């Protein structure tokens, strides 16, 4: 785990939308959804499984496998009605409140876009990234 921070500046969502709407496929799109994941102080185990060990997250080390992310994006493009997929992932030592990721999906109708967004975020979170929470135990 690197000791120095390599976190990146987040993308401009306005620019992403401008680029997507200028794309030749834009006429097929009826909506865009954007996901912004951030580092929260509540541990993943507490939020997802209800396990409260008395700790809070103070930071996170985050990294990703770029080839796996690209494969996940390609797979998302194969879904019905999806014409735009943009992903930005941070990396390095992150602090509470820092951006972890941005994902934008554009497609024809709401059910397709929602399904694609859920699919891609799940794929990224379960197959493409490493998240190591740093915690402080407040119960002591």
Foldseek 3Di string as FASTA:
>chain_A
DDPDFPWDDDDDVVVLVVVCCPDPCNVQWDDKDKDWDFAAQCDPCCVPPVDCQQKTFFKKAKDWDVVQLVVLQVVLCPFPFWDDWDKDATGGIGGGPDTGMMIMTTGRDDVSNVVSVVSSVVSCVPPIMDIDTDIDRNVD
